[in-house]
Amino acid sequence: MFTKIDNGRACASYAGLCPYLFNSGTSVKQRPRTSKACNKRLKTALHQGANNLLKSDNLFGDLYRRLRQKGKTRLQAVNAVRNKMVRVLFACLESDVIYEKNYHQRLRVQ
């Protein structure tokens, strides 16, 4: 399928969606942040897609609202949605299926 990026976790890291803890020795003075050394065009495209998905009632919008209710900041929740988008994309590519919006609802009914 892909030559260098073969799973969703690797793609999320390449796009700069994985938060990393920056520390020096025993002092941890910052919260985890996403890396600035990433593919900015991919990260921007995922960010715009995530912002569009947040407005509708779907899996990604529900994830965003659930994280906001738990007390996460807006950008932490958007980053989680972007990460979920990448993982769903790679799952669809790996199993060679088209994404279905109501897939999770059908599983609950059966």
Protein backbone atom coordinates (compact mmCIF):
# COMPACT_ATOMS: atom_id res chain seq x y z
CA MET A 1 0.00 0.00 0.00
CA PHE A 2 2.39 2.73 1.21
CA THR A 3 6.16 2.49 1.19
CA LYS A 4 7.22 4.41 4.30
CA ILE A 5 3.99 5.00 6.25
CA ASP A 6 2.24 1.70 6.79
CA ASN A 7 -0.22 2.38 9.63
CA GLY A 8 -2.38 5.12 11.11
CA ARG A 9 -0.14 5.76 14.08
CA ALA A 10 2.88 6.44 11.84
CA CYS A 11 0.82 8.78 9.65
CA ALA A 12 -0.45 10.68 12.71
CA SER A 13 3.13 11.12 13.86
CA TYR A 14 4.21 12.27 10.38
CA ALA A 15 1.36 14.80 10.29
CA GLY A 16 2.32 16.16 13.72
CA LEU A 17 -0.81 14.98 15.53
CA CYS A 18 0.85 13.01 18.33
CA PRO A 19 1.59 15.03 21.48
CA TYR A 20 5.14 14.67 22.77
CA LEU A 21 6.44 15.49 26.23
CA PHE A 22 9.42 17.83 26.14
CA ASN A 23 11.47 17.55 29.29
CA SER A 24 15.01 17.94 30.49
CA GLY A 25 16.26 15.55 33.14
CA THR A 26 13.78 15.39 36.00
CA SER A 27 12.05 18.71 35.36
CA VAL A 28 8.79 18.57 33.44
CA LYS A 29 7.61 22.14 33.01
CA GLN A 30 5.30 21.90 30.01
CA ARG A 31 2.31 19.87 29.07
CA PRO A 32 2.70 17.58 26.05
CA ARG A 33 2.58 19.45 22.73
CA THR A 34 2.50 18.47 19.10
CA SER A 35 5.72 18.67 17.14
CA LYS A 36 6.40 21.57 14.81
CA ALA A 37 8.60 19.30 12.65
CA CYS A 38 5.79 17.83 10.58
CA ASN A 39 4.14 17.94 7.19
CA LYS A 40 2.30 21.24 7.59
CA ARG A 41 0.20 20.86 4.43
CA LEU A 42 -1.14 17.50 5.64
CA LYS A 43 -1.74 18.84 9.15
CA THR A 44 -3.60 21.87 7.75
CA ALA A 45 -5.77 19.71 5.51
CA LEU A 46 -6.66 17.43 8.42
CA HIS A 47 -7.39 20.43 10.64
CA GLN A 48 -9.78 21.95 8.11
CA GLY A 49 -11.48 18.59 7.61
CA ALA A 50 -11.84 18.12 11.35
CA ASN A 51 -13.35 21.58 11.79
CA ASN A 52 -15.90 20.76 9.11
CA LEU A 53 -16.79 17.42 10.75
CA LEU A 54 -17.31 19.00 14.18
CA LYS A 55 -20.42 20.82 12.98
CA SER A 56 -22.33 17.69 12.02
CA ASP A 57 -23.81 14.90 14.11
CA ASN A 58 -21.46 11.98 13.48
CA LEU A 59 -18.78 9.88 15.14
CA PHE A 60 -16.22 12.70 15.03
CA GLY A 61 -18.56 15.40 16.32
CA ASP A 62 -19.62 13.13 19.17
CA LEU A 63 -15.98 12.48 20.06
CA TYR A 64 -15.28 16.23 20.09
CA ARG A 65 -18.27 17.02 22.34
CA ARG A 66 -17.45 14.15 24.71
CA LEU A 67 -13.85 15.35 25.13
CA ARG A 68 -14.95 18.95 25.68
CA GLN A 69 -17.34 17.79 28.43
CA LYS A 70 -14.43 15.97 30.09
CA GLY A 71 -12.57 19.29 30.32
CA LYS A 72 -10.18 19.07 27.37
CA THR A 73 -9.31 22.29 25.60
CA ARG A 74 -10.69 23.00 22.14
CA LEU A 75 -7.40 22.26 20.37
CA GLN A 76 -6.83 19.05 22.35
CA ALA A 77 -10.25 17.83 21.27
CA VAL A 78 -9.70 18.87 17.63
CA ASN A 79 -6.33 17.09 17.66
CA ALA A 80 -8.04 13.92 18.92
CA VAL A 81 -10.56 14.19 16.07
CA ARG A 82 -7.75 14.62 13.53
CA ASN A 83 -6.02 11.56 14.96
CA LYS A 84 -9.26 9.55 14.76
CA MET A 85 -9.74 10.65 11.14
CA VAL A 86 -6.30 9.32 10.21
CA ARG A 87 -6.87 6.00 11.97
CA VAL A 88 -10.27 5.50 10.33
CA LEU A 89 -8.76 6.36 6.95
CA PHE A 90 -6.00 3.79 7.35
CA ALA A 91 -8.44 1.16 8.61
CA CYS A 92 -10.56 1.67 5.47
CA LEU A 93 -7.49 1.50 3.22
CA GLU A 94 -6.16 -1.59 4.98
CA SER A 95 -9.41 -3.53 4.72
CA ASP A 96 -10.20 -2.11 1.25
CA VAL A 97 -13.69 -0.84 2.15
CA ILE A 98 -15.49 2.46 1.68
CA TYR A 99 -16.22 4.47 4.83
CA GLU A 100 -19.82 4.14 5.98
CA LYS A 101 -21.24 6.86 8.20
CA ASN A 102 -23.73 4.54 9.93
CA TYR A 103 -21.35 1.60 10.41
CA HIS A 104 -21.21 1.92 14.21
CA GLN A 105 -24.97 2.32 14.53
CA ARG A 106 -25.52 -0.89 12.53
CA LEU A 107 -23.23 -2.79 14.90
CA ARG A 108 -25.32 -1.74 17.92
CA VAL A 109 -28.58 -2.92 16.31
CA GLN A 110 -27.34 -6.46 15.47
